[in-house]
Amino acid sequence: MKLAISSSGTTLDAAFDARFGRAAAFCVVDSDTGAWSTHANPALSAAGGAGVQAAQLVANLGAQAVVSGAYGPKAYDTLSAAAITMWLAPTNATHSVTEILTLFRSGHLTQADAASHNGHHGG
């Protein structure tokens, strides 16, 4: 399965970024083979609609699931429409992308069943 993880950098050792739409990058990992690639998030500095733009990027990268710390309503709807499963990682500790992948593989993440905040409306 291709899994996108919101990240602050471009390596597996980069810190997990709990922001979805404003994450610096997404690390896409094949959870079966371990193959990975990173992709800068063009929505990072968007004036508005960052969640939707980030969701479109993740979908275009072929991800079947995504891990982040929070999803606004528009990002949640866009990811849901693309049949991408959303997972929530803990935001109260510093984790690397590799550590988040380990938590995912071991079943220690919670699946998001709704938006986790009301959105920022371009703020």
PDB file of N, CA and C in Angstrom:
ATOM      1  N   MET A   1       0.847  -1.177   0.000  1.00  0.00           N
ATOM      2  CA  MET A   1       0.000   0.000   0.000  1.00  0.00           C
ATOM      3  C   MET A   1       0.890   1.236   0.000  1.00  0.00           C
ATOM      4  N   LYS A   2       0.526   2.223  -0.791  1.00  0.00           N
ATOM      5  CA  LYS A   2       1.234   3.508  -0.773  1.00  0.00           C
ATOM      6  C   LYS A   2       0.645   4.379   0.320  1.00  0.00           C
ATOM      7  N   LEU A   3       1.513   4.803   1.218  1.00  0.00           N
ATOM      8  CA  LEU A   3       1.128   5.596   2.375  1.00  0.00           C
ATOM      9  C   LEU A   3       1.856   6.927   2.325  1.00  0.00           C
ATOM     10  N   ALA A   4       1.126   8.035   2.385  1.00  0.00           N
ATOM     11  CA  ALA A   4       1.725   9.366   2.431  1.00  0.00           C
ATOM     12  C   ALA A   4       1.751   9.835   3.883  1.00  0.00           C
ATOM     13  N   ILE A   5       2.906  10.333   4.307  1.00  0.00           N
ATOM     14  CA  ILE A   5       3.084  10.817   5.674  1.00  0.00           C
ATOM     15  C   ILE A   5       3.501  12.277   5.604  1.00  0.00           C
ATOM     16  N   SER A   6       2.775  13.152   6.310  1.00  0.00           N
ATOM     17  CA  SER A   6       3.142  14.571   6.308  1.00  0.00           C
ATOM     18  C   SER A   6       4.463  14.741   7.043  1.00  0.00           C
ATOM     19  N   SER A   7       5.350  15.512   6.430  1.00  0.00           N
ATOM     20  CA  SER A   7       6.722  15.586   6.904  1.00  0.00           C
ATOM     21  C   SER A   7       7.247  17.017   6.876  1.00  0.00           C
ATOM     22  N   SER A   8       8.243  17.272   7.707  1.00  0.00           N
ATOM     23  CA  SER A   8       8.886  18.582   7.710  1.00  0.00           C
ATOM     24  C   SER A   8      10.116  18.614   6.807  1.00  0.00           C
ATOM     25  N   GLY A   9      10.461  17.478   6.210  1.00  0.00           N
ATOM     26  CA  GLY A   9      11.664  17.424   5.384  1.00  0.00           C
ATOM     27  C   GLY A   9      11.581  16.352   4.318  1.00  0.00           C
ATOM     28  N   THR A  10      12.738  16.008   3.763  1.00  0.00           N
ATOM     29  CA  THR A  10      12.761  15.148   2.582  1.00  0.00           C
ATOM     30  C   THR A  10      13.463  13.812   2.800  1.00  0.00           C
ATOM     31  N   THR A  11      13.583  13.384   4.059  1.00  0.00           N
ATOM     32  CA  THR A  11      14.180  12.077   4.337  1.00  0.00           C
ATOM     33  C   THR A  11      13.277  11.312   5.296  1.00  0.00           C
ATOM     34  N   LEU A  12      13.555  10.022   5.446  1.00  0.00           N
ATOM     35  CA  LEU A  12      12.783   9.218   6.400  1.00  0.00           C
ATOM     36  C   LEU A  12      13.082   9.627   7.835  1.00  0.00           C
ATOM     37  N   ASP A  13      14.220  10.266   8.058  1.00  0.00           N
ATOM     38  CA  ASP A  13      14.575  10.737   9.393  1.00  0.00           C
ATOM     39  C   ASP A  13      14.009  12.116   9.708  1.00  0.00           C
ATOM     40  N   ALA A  14      13.372  12.742   8.716  1.00  0.00           N
ATOM     41  CA  ALA A  14      12.772  14.061   8.936  1.00  0.00           C
ATOM     42  C   ALA A  14      11.669  13.955   9.978  1.00  0.00           C
ATOM     43  N   ALA A  15      11.426  15.053  10.655  1.00  0.00           N
ATOM     44  CA  ALA A  15      10.368  15.092  11.667  1.00  0.00           C
ATOM     45  C   ALA A  15       8.998  15.024  11.006  1.00  0.00           C
ATOM     46  N   PHE A  16       8.113  14.279  11.623  1.00  0.00           N
ATOM     47  CA  PHE A  16       6.709  14.235  11.233  1.00  0.00           C
ATOM     48  C   PHE A  16       6.137  15.634  11.421  1.00  0.00           C
ATOM     49  N   ASP A  17       5.332  16.081  10.462  1.00  0.00           N
ATOM     50  CA  ASP A  17       4.655  17.379  10.563  1.00  0.00           C
ATOM     51  C   ASP A  17       3.167  17.092  10.753  1.00  0.00           C
ATOM     52  N   ALA A  18       2.619  17.488  11.883  1.00  0.00           N
ATOM     53  CA  ALA A  18       1.223  17.186  12.206  1.00  0.00           C
ATOM     54  C   ALA A  18       0.234  17.972  11.363  1.00  0.00           C
ATOM     55  N   ARG A  19       0.707  18.997  10.663  1.00  0.00           N
ATOM     56  CA  ARG A  19      -0.179  19.777   9.802  1.00  0.00           C
ATOM     57  C   ARG A  19      -0.338  19.041   8.479  1.00  0.00           C
ATOM     58  N   PHE A  20      -1.539  18.949   7.969  1.00  0.00           N
ATOM     59  CA  PHE A  20      -1.736  18.288   6.690  1.00  0.00           C
ATOM     60  C   PHE A  20      -1.522  19.278   5.544  1.00  0.00           C
ATOM     61  N   GLY A  21      -2.371  20.263   5.427  1.00  0.00           N
ATOM     62  CA  GLY A  21      -2.308  21.191   4.308  1.00  0.00           C
ATOM     63  C   GLY A  21      -1.051  22.030   4.278  1.00  0.00           C
ATOM     64  N   ARG A  22      -0.477  22.304   5.422  1.00  0.00           N
ATOM     65  CA  ARG A  22       0.699  23.165   5.515  1.00  0.00           C
ATOM     66  C   ARG A  22       1.988  22.398   5.813  1.00  0.00           C
ATOM     67  N   ALA A  23       1.964  21.079   5.677  1.00  0.00           N
ATOM     68  CA  ALA A  23       3.192  20.301   5.837  1.00  0.00           C
ATOM     69  C   ALA A  23       4.178  20.714   4.753  1.00  0.00           C
ATOM     70  N   ALA A  24       5.455  20.679   5.064  1.00  0.00           N
ATOM     71  CA  ALA A  24       6.475  21.057   4.085  1.00  0.00           C
ATOM     72  C   ALA A  24       6.547  20.054   2.940  1.00  0.00           C
ATOM     73  N   ALA A  25       6.308  18.780   3.256  1.00  0.00           N
ATOM     74  CA  ALA A  25       6.456  17.738   2.252  1.00  0.00           C
ATOM     75  C   ALA A  25       5.612  16.523   2.635  1.00  0.00           C
ATOM     76  N   PHE A  26       5.525  15.599   1.711  1.00  0.00           N
ATOM     77  CA  PHE A  26       4.903  14.303   1.973  1.00  0.00           C
ATOM     78  C   PHE A  26       5.888  13.220   1.582  1.00  0.00           C
ATOM     79  N   CYS A  27       6.092  12.298   2.484  1.00  0.00           N
ATOM     80  CA  CYS A  27       6.915  11.131   2.199  1.00  0.00           C
ATOM     81  C   CYS A  27       5.947  10.015   1.822  1.00  0.00           C
ATOM     82  N   VAL A  28       6.102   9.481   0.630  1.00  0.00           N
ATOM     83  CA  VAL A  28       5.243   8.398   0.168  1.00  0.00           C
ATOM     84  C   VAL A  28       6.033   7.101   0.288  1.00  0.00           C
ATOM     85  N   VAL A  29       5.512   6.190   1.100  1.00  0.00           N
ATOM     86  CA  VAL A  29       6.191   4.933   1.391  1.00  0.00           C
ATOM     87  C   VAL A  29       5.319   3.776   0.937  1.00  0.00           C
ATOM     88  N   ASP A  30       5.922   2.820   0.247  1.00  0.00           N
ATOM     89  CA  ASP A  30       5.228   1.570  -0.050  1.00  0.00           C
ATOM     90  C   ASP A  30       5.383   0.723   1.204  1.00  0.00           C
ATOM     91  N   SER A  31       4.318   0.542   1.948  1.00  0.00           N
ATOM     92  CA  SER A  31       4.406  -0.129   3.244  1.00  0.00           C
ATOM     93  C   SER A  31       4.787  -1.604   3.113  1.00  0.00           C
ATOM     94  N   ASP A  32       4.676  -2.167   1.923  1.00  0.00           N
ATOM     95  CA  ASP A  32       5.053  -3.561   1.715  1.00  0.00           C
ATOM     96  C   ASP A  32       6.533  -3.711   1.367  1.00  0.00           C
ATOM     97  N   THR A  33       7.044  -2.859   0.475  1.00  0.00           N
ATOM     98  CA  THR A  33       8.421  -3.001   0.002  1.00  0.00           C
ATOM     99  C   THR A  33       9.409  -2.074   0.704  1.00  0.00           C
ATOM    100  N   GLY A  34       8.909  -0.994   1.289  1.00  0.00           N
ATOM    101  CA  GLY A  34       9.774  -0.019   1.927  1.00  0.00           C
ATOM    102  C   GLY A  34      10.292   1.045   0.974  1.00  0.00           C
ATOM    103  N   ALA A  35      10.009   0.932  -0.319  1.00  0.00           N
ATOM    104  CA  ALA A  35      10.432   1.959  -1.274  1.00  0.00           C
ATOM    105  C   ALA A  35       9.757   3.274  -0.896  1.00  0.00           C
ATOM    106  N   TRP A  36      10.487   4.384  -1.041  1.00  0.00           N
ATOM    107  CA  TRP A  36       9.929   5.672  -0.635  1.00  0.00           C
ATOM    108  C   TRP A  36      10.421   6.802  -1.530  1.00  0.00           C
ATOM    109  N   SER A  37       9.672   7.870  -1.509  1.00  0.00           N
ATOM    110  CA  SER A  37      10.033   9.096  -2.213  1.00  0.00           C
ATOM    111  C   SER A  37       9.420  10.264  -1.455  1.00  0.00           C
ATOM    112  N   THR A  38      10.004  11.440  -1.616  1.00  0.00           N
ATOM    113  CA  THR A  38       9.445  12.623  -0.969  1.00  0.00           C
ATOM    114  C   THR A  38       9.049  13.643  -2.018  1.00  0.00           C
ATOM    115  N   HIS A  39       8.066  14.431  -1.654  1.00  0.00           N
ATOM    116  CA  HIS A  39       7.504  15.403  -2.581  1.00  0.00           C
ATOM    117  C   HIS A  39       7.185  16.679  -1.813  1.00  0.00           C
ATOM    118  N   ALA A  40       7.728  17.789  -2.275  1.00  0.00           N
ATOM    119  CA  ALA A  40       7.433  19.077  -1.656  1.00  0.00           C
ATOM    120  C   ALA A  40       5.943  19.362  -1.784  1.00  0.00           C
ATOM    121  N   ASN A  41       5.385  19.988  -0.786  1.00  0.00           N
ATOM    122  CA  ASN A  41       3.969  20.336  -0.779  1.00  0.00           C
ATOM    123  C   ASN A  41       3.812  21.741  -1.357  1.00  0.00           C
ATOM    124  N   PRO A  42       3.298  21.873  -2.581  1.00  0.00           N
ATOM    125  CA  PRO A  42       3.146  23.202  -3.166  1.00  0.00           C
ATOM    126  C   PRO A  42       2.103  24.055  -2.444  1.00  0.00           C
ATOM    127  N   ALA A  43       1.274  23.445  -1.614  1.00  0.00           N
ATOM    128  CA  ALA A  43       0.245  24.181  -0.879  1.00  0.00           C
ATOM    129  C   ALA A  43       0.789  24.829   0.390  1.00  0.00           C
ATOM    130  N   LEU A  44       2.036  24.566   0.714  1.00  0.00           N
ATOM    131  CA  LEU A  44       2.635  25.082   1.949  1.00  0.00           C
ATOM    132  C   LEU A  44       2.418  26.579   2.115  1.00  0.00           C
ATOM    133  N   SER A  45       2.589  27.335   1.059  1.00  0.00           N
ATOM    134  CA  SER A  45       2.452  28.787   1.168  1.00  0.00           C
ATOM    135  C   SER A  45       1.236  29.327   0.424  1.00  0.00           C
ATOM    136  N   ALA A  46       0.261  28.468   0.162  1.00  0.00           N
ATOM    137  CA  ALA A  46      -0.952  28.903  -0.532  1.00  0.00           C
ATOM    138  C   ALA A  46      -1.719  29.910   0.319  1.00  0.00           C
ATOM    139  N   ALA A  47      -2.327  30.878  -0.334  1.00  0.00           N
ATOM    140  CA  ALA A  47      -3.117  31.881   0.381  1.00  0.00           C
ATOM    141  C   ALA A  47      -4.359  31.255   0.999  1.00  0.00           C
ATOM    142  N   GLY A  48      -4.889  30.239   0.378  1.00  0.00           N
ATOM    143  CA  GLY A  48      -6.074  29.542   0.879  1.00  0.00           C
ATOM    144  C   GLY A  48      -6.203  28.214   0.168  1.00  0.00           C
ATOM    145  N   GLY A  49      -7.009  27.341   0.709  1.00  0.00           N
ATOM    146  CA  GLY A  49      -7.253  26.049   0.075  1.00  0.00           C
ATOM    147  C   GLY A  49      -6.099  25.075   0.180  1.00  0.00           C
ATOM    148  N   ALA A  50      -5.231  25.260   1.174  1.00  0.00           N
ATOM    149  CA  ALA A  50      -4.057  24.394   1.298  1.00  0.00           C
ATOM    150  C   ALA A  50      -4.447  22.942   1.514  1.00  0.00           C
ATOM    151  N   GLY A  51      -5.472  22.683   2.300  1.00  0.00           N
ATOM    152  CA  GLY A  51      -5.884  21.309   2.567  1.00  0.00           C
ATOM    153  C   GLY A  51      -6.340  20.588   1.314  1.00  0.00           C
ATOM    154  N   VAL A  52      -7.124  21.270   0.490  1.00  0.00           N
ATOM    155  CA  VAL A  52      -7.611  20.671  -0.762  1.00  0.00           C
ATOM    156  C   VAL A  52      -6.439  20.438  -1.712  1.00  0.00           C
ATOM    157  N   GLN A  53      -5.551  21.418  -1.828  1.00  0.00           N
ATOM    158  CA  GLN A  53      -4.407  21.272  -2.720  1.00  0.00           C
ATOM    159  C   GLN A  53      -3.497  20.127  -2.270  1.00  0.00           C
ATOM    160  N   ALA A  54      -3.268  20.019  -0.976  1.00  0.00           N
ATOM    161  CA  ALA A  54      -2.437  18.935  -0.455  1.00  0.00           C
ATOM    162  C   ALA A  54      -3.120  17.588  -0.694  1.00  0.00           C
ATOM    163  N   ALA A  55      -4.434  17.538  -0.518  1.00  0.00           N
ATOM    164  CA  ALA A  55      -5.177  16.297  -0.766  1.00  0.00           C
ATOM    165  C   ALA A  55      -5.082  15.886  -2.227  1.00  0.00           C
ATOM    166  N   GLN A  56      -5.154  16.856  -3.128  1.00  0.00           N
ATOM    167  CA  GLN A  56      -5.027  16.557  -4.554  1.00  0.00           C
ATOM    168  C   GLN A  56      -3.625  16.037  -4.871  1.00  0.00           C
ATOM    169  N   LEU A  57      -2.601  16.615  -4.252  1.00  0.00           N
ATOM    170  CA  LEU A  57      -1.242  16.131  -4.444  1.00  0.00           C
ATOM    171  C   LEU A  57      -1.120  14.678  -4.001  1.00  0.00           C
ATOM    172  N   VAL A  58      -1.606  14.385  -2.797  1.00  0.00           N
ATOM    173  CA  VAL A  58      -1.526  13.031  -2.252  1.00  0.00           C
ATOM    174  C   VAL A  58      -2.254  12.041  -3.183  1.00  0.00           C
ATOM    175  N   ALA A  59      -3.406  12.439  -3.687  1.00  0.00           N
ATOM    176  CA  ALA A  59      -4.149  11.574  -4.612  1.00  0.00           C
ATOM    177  C   ALA A  59      -3.364  11.373  -5.906  1.00  0.00           C
ATOM    178  N   ASN A  60      -2.788  12.449  -6.440  1.00  0.00           N
ATOM    179  CA  ASN A  60      -2.012  12.356  -7.683  1.00  0.00           C
ATOM    180  C   ASN A  60      -0.762  11.497  -7.521  1.00  0.00           C
ATOM    181  N   LEU A  61      -0.244  11.401  -6.308  1.00  0.00           N
ATOM    182  CA  LEU A  61       0.922  10.569  -6.042  1.00  0.00           C
ATOM    183  C   LEU A  61       0.557   9.087  -5.909  1.00  0.00           C
ATOM    184  N   GLY A  62      -0.746   8.795  -5.952  1.00  0.00           N
ATOM    185  CA  GLY A  62      -1.198   7.404  -5.895  1.00  0.00           C
ATOM    186  C   GLY A  62      -1.323   6.827  -4.501  1.00  0.00           C
ATOM    187  N   ALA A  63      -1.320   7.698  -3.489  1.00  0.00           N
ATOM    188  CA  ALA A  63      -1.442   7.206  -2.114  1.00  0.00           C
ATOM    189  C   ALA A  63      -2.822   6.598  -1.885  1.00  0.00           C
ATOM    190  N   GLN A  64      -2.842   5.511  -1.132  1.00  0.00           N
ATOM    191  CA  GLN A  64      -4.095   4.866  -0.753  1.00  0.00           C
ATOM    192  C   GLN A  64      -4.478   5.199   0.681  1.00  0.00           C
ATOM    193  N   ALA A  65      -3.494   5.739   1.420  1.00  0.00           N
ATOM    194  CA  ALA A  65      -3.716   6.151   2.807  1.00  0.00           C
ATOM    195  C   ALA A  65      -2.773   7.301   3.105  1.00  0.00           C
ATOM    196  N   VAL A  66      -3.134   8.082   4.118  1.00  0.00           N
ATOM    197  CA  VAL A  66      -2.311   9.218   4.525  1.00  0.00           C
ATOM    198  C   VAL A  66      -2.302   9.288   6.045  1.00  0.00           C
ATOM    199  N   VAL A  67      -1.150   9.700   6.585  1.00  0.00           N
ATOM    200  CA  VAL A  67      -1.017   9.916   8.027  1.00  0.00           C
ATOM    201  C   VAL A  67      -0.655  11.369   8.252  1.00  0.00           C
ATOM    202  N   SER A  68      -1.423  12.023   9.103  1.00  0.00           N
ATOM    203  CA  SER A  68      -1.126  13.387   9.518  1.00  0.00           C
ATOM    204  C   SER A  68      -1.675  13.562  10.929  1.00  0.00           C
ATOM    205  N   GLY A  69      -1.607  14.779  11.428  1.00  0.00           N
ATOM    206  CA  GLY A  69      -2.085  15.027  12.781  1.00  0.00           C
ATOM    207  C   GLY A  69      -3.477  15.595  12.836  1.00  0.00           C
ATOM    208  N   ALA A  70      -3.945  16.159  11.709  1.00  0.00           N
ATOM    209  CA  ALA A  70      -5.266  16.784  11.671  1.00  0.00           C
ATOM    210  C   ALA A  70      -5.691  16.981  10.227  1.00  0.00           C
ATOM    211  N   TYR A  71      -6.995  16.961  10.012  1.00  0.00           N
ATOM    212  CA  TYR A  71      -7.581  17.170   8.684  1.00  0.00           C
ATOM    213  C   TYR A  71      -8.752  18.132   8.812  1.00  0.00           C
ATOM    214  N   GLY A  72      -8.718  19.204   8.024  1.00  0.00           N
ATOM    215  CA  GLY A  72      -9.852  20.112   7.969  1.00  0.00           C
ATOM    216  C   GLY A  72     -10.974  19.508   7.146  1.00  0.00           C
ATOM    217  N   PRO A  73     -12.156  20.106   7.176  1.00  0.00           N
ATOM    218  CA  PRO A  73     -13.307  19.527   6.490  1.00  0.00           C
ATOM    219  C   PRO A  73     -13.145  19.414   4.976  1.00  0.00           C
ATOM    220  N   LYS A  74     -12.524  20.389   4.345  1.00  0.00           N
ATOM    221  CA  LYS A  74     -12.361  20.324   2.887  1.00  0.00           C
ATOM    222  C   LYS A  74     -11.316  19.292   2.499  1.00  0.00           C
ATOM    223  N   ALA A  75     -10.233  19.211   3.251  1.00  0.00           N
ATOM    224  CA  ALA A  75      -9.228  18.172   2.999  1.00  0.00           C
ATOM    225  C   ALA A  75      -9.838  16.797   3.224  1.00  0.00           C
ATOM    226  N   TYR A  76     -10.593  16.660   4.324  1.00  0.00           N
ATOM    227  CA  TYR A  76     -11.234  15.380   4.629  1.00  0.00           C
ATOM    228  C   TYR A  76     -12.165  14.962   3.486  1.00  0.00           C
ATOM    229  N   ASP A  77     -12.984  15.896   3.007  1.00  0.00           N
ATOM    230  CA  ASP A  77     -13.912  15.573   1.916  1.00  0.00           C
ATOM    231  C   ASP A  77     -13.180  15.209   0.633  1.00  0.00           C
ATOM    232  N   THR A  78     -12.100  15.925   0.322  1.00  0.00           N
ATOM    233  CA  THR A  78     -11.334  15.655  -0.893  1.00  0.00           C
ATOM    234  C   THR A  78     -10.654  14.291  -0.816  1.00  0.00           C
ATOM    235  N   LEU A  79     -10.057  13.984   0.326  1.00  0.00           N
ATOM    236  CA  LEU A  79      -9.415  12.681   0.500  1.00  0.00           C
ATOM    237  C   LEU A  79     -10.446  11.555   0.477  1.00  0.00           C
ATOM    238  N   SER A  80     -11.580  11.773   1.112  1.00  0.00           N
ATOM    239  CA  SER A  80     -12.648  10.757   1.108  1.00  0.00           C
ATOM    240  C   SER A  80     -13.135  10.480  -0.305  1.00  0.00           C
ATOM    241  N   ALA A  81     -13.323  11.538  -1.102  1.00  0.00           N
ATOM    242  CA  ALA A  81     -13.787  11.379  -2.472  1.00  0.00           C
ATOM    243  C   ALA A  81     -12.791  10.584  -3.311  1.00  0.00           C
ATOM    244  N   ALA A  82     -11.508  10.672  -2.959  1.00  0.00           N
ATOM    245  CA  ALA A  82     -10.463   9.930  -3.672  1.00  0.00           C
ATOM    246  C   ALA A  82     -10.246   8.541  -3.071  1.00  0.00           C
ATOM    247  N   ALA A  83     -11.070   8.157  -2.107  1.00  0.00           N
ATOM    248  CA  ALA A  83     -10.987   6.846  -1.432  1.00  0.00           C
ATOM    249  C   ALA A  83      -9.634   6.647  -0.745  1.00  0.00           C
ATOM    250  N   ILE A  84      -9.110   7.721  -0.169  1.00  0.00           N
ATOM    251  CA  ILE A  84      -7.851   7.661   0.576  1.00  0.00           C
ATOM    252  C   ILE A  84      -8.184   7.602   2.057  1.00  0.00           C
ATOM    253  N   THR A  85      -7.703   6.568   2.722  1.00  0.00           N
ATOM    254  CA  THR A  85      -7.937   6.389   4.147  1.00  0.00           C
ATOM    255  C   THR A  85      -7.048   7.340   4.932  1.00  0.00           C
ATOM    256  N   MET A  86      -7.614   8.005   5.923  1.00  0.00           N
ATOM    257  CA  MET A  86      -6.877   8.968   6.733  1.00  0.00           C
ATOM    258  C   MET A  86      -6.612   8.412   8.128  1.00  0.00           C
ATOM    259  N   TRP A  87      -5.374   8.573   8.562  1.00  0.00           N
ATOM    260  CA  TRP A  87      -4.952   8.121   9.879  1.00  0.00           C
ATOM    261  C   TRP A  87      -4.422   9.311  10.658  1.00  0.00           C
ATOM    262  N   LEU A  88      -4.649   9.289  11.959  1.00  0.00           N
ATOM    263  CA  LEU A  88      -4.184  10.344  12.857  1.00  0.00           C
ATOM    264  C   LEU A  88      -3.002   9.840  13.674  1.00  0.00           C
ATOM    265  N   ALA A  89      -1.931  10.589  13.660  1.00  0.00           N
ATOM    266  CA  ALA A  89      -0.757  10.256  14.466  1.00  0.00           C
ATOM    267  C   ALA A  89      -0.712  11.190  15.669  1.00  0.00           C
ATOM    268  N   PRO A  90      -0.074  10.759  16.739  1.00  0.00           N
ATOM    269  CA  PRO A  90       0.022  11.608  17.921  1.00  0.00           C
ATOM    270  C   PRO A  90       0.769  12.896  17.615  1.00  0.00           C
ATOM    271  N   THR A  91       0.249  13.991  18.115  1.00  0.00           N
ATOM    272  CA  THR A  91       0.862  15.287  17.855  1.00  0.00           C
ATOM    273  C   THR A  91       1.570  15.845  19.086  1.00  0.00           C
ATOM    274  N   ASN A  92       1.548  15.098  20.163  1.00  0.00           N
ATOM    275  CA  ASN A  92       2.116  15.595  21.420  1.00  0.00           C
ATOM    276  C   ASN A  92       3.542  15.109  21.660  1.00  0.00           C
ATOM    277  N   ALA A  93       4.172  14.514  20.654  1.00  0.00           N
ATOM    278  CA  ALA A  93       5.544  14.038  20.785  1.00  0.00           C
ATOM    279  C   ALA A  93       6.255  14.226  19.453  1.00  0.00           C
ATOM    280  N   THR A  94       7.561  14.276  19.504  1.00  0.00           N
ATOM    281  CA  THR A  94       8.343  14.414  18.282  1.00  0.00           C
ATOM    282  C   THR A  94       8.632  13.033  17.725  1.00  0.00           C
ATOM    283  N   HIS A  95       8.206  12.814  16.491  1.00  0.00           N
ATOM    284  CA  HIS A  95       8.446  11.536  15.812  1.00  0.00           C
ATOM    285  C   HIS A  95       9.075  11.806  14.455  1.00  0.00           C
ATOM    286  N   SER A  96       9.871  10.875  14.000  1.00  0.00           N
ATOM    287  CA  SER A  96      10.373  10.945  12.635  1.00  0.00           C
ATOM    288  C   SER A  96       9.367  10.247  11.724  1.00  0.00           C
ATOM    289  N   VAL A  97       9.527  10.427  10.431  1.00  0.00           N
ATOM    290  CA  VAL A  97       8.678   9.733   9.468  1.00  0.00           C
ATOM    291  C   VAL A  97       8.802   8.225   9.677  1.00  0.00           C
ATOM    292  N   THR A  98      10.020   7.736   9.917  1.00  0.00           N
ATOM    293  CA  THR A  98      10.233   6.306  10.147  1.00  0.00           C
ATOM    294  C   THR A  98       9.453   5.821  11.363  1.00  0.00           C
ATOM    295  N   GLU A  99       9.452   6.595  12.435  1.00  0.00           N
ATOM    296  CA  GLU A  99       8.712   6.204  13.644  1.00  0.00           C
ATOM    297  C   GLU A  99       7.211   6.188  13.386  1.00  0.00           C
ATOM    298  N   ILE A 100       6.706   7.140  12.602  1.00  0.00           N
ATOM    299  CA  ILE A 100       5.279   7.145  12.256  1.00  0.00           C
ATOM    300  C   ILE A 100       4.951   5.914  11.426  1.00  0.00           C
ATOM    301  N   LEU A 101       5.822   5.550  10.502  1.00  0.00           N
ATOM    302  CA  LEU A 101       5.612   4.343   9.701  1.00  0.00           C
ATOM    303  C   LEU A 101       5.554   3.102  10.593  1.00  0.00           C
ATOM    304  N   THR A 102       6.417   3.041  11.585  1.00  0.00           N
ATOM    305  CA  THR A 102       6.410   1.917  12.531  1.00  0.00           C
ATOM    306  C   THR A 102       5.097   1.881  13.307  1.00  0.00           C
ATOM    307  N   LEU A 103       4.624   3.045  13.757  1.00  0.00           N
ATOM    308  CA  LEU A 103       3.334   3.099  14.466  1.00  0.00           C
ATOM    309  C   LEU A 103       2.194   2.640  13.557  1.00  0.00           C
ATOM    310  N   PHE A 104       2.242   3.024  12.283  1.00  0.00           N
ATOM    311  CA  PHE A 104       1.220   2.605  11.324  1.00  0.00           C
ATOM    312  C   PHE A 104       1.237   1.092  11.152  1.00  0.00           C
ATOM    313  N   ARG A 105       2.412   0.544  10.910  1.00  0.00           N
ATOM    314  CA  ARG A 105       2.539  -0.907  10.675  1.00  0.00           C
ATOM    315  C   ARG A 105       2.105  -1.724  11.885  1.00  0.00           C
ATOM    316  N   SER A 106       2.307  -1.173  13.084  1.00  0.00           N
ATOM    317  CA  SER A 106       1.961  -1.914  14.306  1.00  0.00           C
ATOM    318  C   SER A 106       0.526  -1.673  14.770  1.00  0.00           C
ATOM    319  N   GLY A 107      -0.238  -0.896  13.996  1.00  0.00           N
ATOM    320  CA  GLY A 107      -1.641  -0.682  14.326  1.00  0.00           C
ATOM    321  C   GLY A 107      -1.881   0.291  15.466  1.00  0.00           C
ATOM    322  N   HIS A 108      -0.931   1.195  15.718  1.00  0.00           N
ATOM    323  CA  HIS A 108      -1.068   2.133  16.829  1.00  0.00           C
ATOM    324  C   HIS A 108      -1.593   3.508  16.446  1.00  0.00           C
ATOM    325  N   LEU A 109      -2.110   3.647  15.238  1.00  0.00           N
ATOM    326  CA  LEU A 109      -2.689   4.921  14.821  1.00  0.00           C
ATOM    327  C   LEU A 109      -4.206   4.801  14.767  1.00  0.00           C
ATOM    328  N   THR A 110      -4.886   5.918  14.898  1.00  0.00           N
ATOM    329  CA  THR A 110      -6.343   5.964  14.867  1.00  0.00           C
ATOM    330  C   THR A 110      -6.805   6.420  13.491  1.00  0.00           C
ATOM    331  N   GLN A 111      -7.779   5.725  12.944  1.00  0.00           N
ATOM    332  CA  GLN A 111      -8.331   6.132  11.653  1.00  0.00           C
ATOM    333  C   GLN A 111      -9.261   7.322  11.861  1.00  0.00           C
ATOM    334  N   ALA A 112      -9.123   8.329  11.019  1.00  0.00           N
ATOM    335  CA  ALA A 112      -9.991   9.513  11.095  1.00  0.00           C
ATOM    336  C   ALA A 112     -11.327   9.183  10.458  1.00  0.00           C
ATOM    337  N   ASP A 113     -12.402   9.431  11.173  1.00  0.00           N
ATOM    338  CA  ASP A 113     -13.734   9.165  10.624  1.00  0.00           C
ATOM    339  C   ASP A 113     -14.522  10.454  10.401  1.00  0.00           C
ATOM    340  N   ALA A 114     -13.837  11.590  10.587  1.00  0.00           N
ATOM    341  CA  ALA A 114     -14.430  12.911  10.354  1.00  0.00           C
ATOM    342  C   ALA A 114     -13.298  13.925  10.363  1.00  0.00           C
ATOM    343  N   ALA A 115     -13.598  15.128   9.896  1.00  0.00           N
ATOM    344  CA  ALA A 115     -12.603  16.199   9.989  1.00  0.00           C
ATOM    345  C   ALA A 115     -12.258  16.412  11.456  1.00  0.00           C
ATOM    346  N   SER A 116     -11.008  16.742  11.726  1.00  0.00           N
ATOM    347  CA  SER A 116     -10.593  16.883  13.126  1.00  0.00           C
ATOM    348  C   SER A 116     -10.587  18.339  13.604  1.00  0.00           C
ATOM    349  N   HIS A 117     -10.885  19.275  12.709  1.00  0.00           N
ATOM    350  CA  HIS A 117     -11.060  20.670  13.101  1.00  0.00           C
ATOM    351  C   HIS A 117     -11.920  21.350  12.048  1.00  0.00           C
ATOM    352  N   ASN A 118     -12.285  22.580  12.281  1.00  0.00           N
ATOM    353  CA  ASN A 118     -13.212  23.284  11.397  1.00  0.00           C
ATOM    354  C   ASN A 118     -12.553  23.956  10.203  1.00  0.00           C
ATOM    355  N   GLY A 119     -11.252  23.827  10.064  1.00  0.00           N
ATOM    356  CA  GLY A 119     -10.560  24.462   8.957  1.00  0.00           C
ATOM    357  C   GLY A 119     -10.087  25.846   9.332  1.00  0.00           C
ATOM    358  N   HIS A 120      -9.260  26.399   8.471  1.00  0.00           N
ATOM    359  CA  HIS A 120      -8.674  27.702   8.772  1.00  0.00           C
ATOM    360  C   HIS A 120      -9.125  28.776   7.811  1.00  0.00           C
ATOM    361  N   HIS A 121      -9.827  28.389   6.765  1.00  0.00           N
ATOM    362  CA  HIS A 121     -10.425  29.348   5.808  1.00  0.00           C
ATOM    363  C   HIS A 121      -9.425  30.383   5.310  1.00  0.00           C
ATOM    364  N   GLY A 122      -8.253  29.866   4.897  1.00  0.00           N
ATOM    365  CA  GLY A 122      -7.248  30.737   4.303  1.00  0.00           C
ATOM    366  C   GLY A 122      -6.452  31.543   5.300  1.00  0.00           C
ATOM    367  N   GLY A 123      -6.635  31.259   6.591  1.00  0.00           N
ATOM    368  CA  GLY A 123      -5.948  32.058   7.595  1.00  0.00           C
ATOM    369  C   GLY A 123      -4.569  31.616   7.902  1.00  0.00           C
TER     370      GLY A 123
END
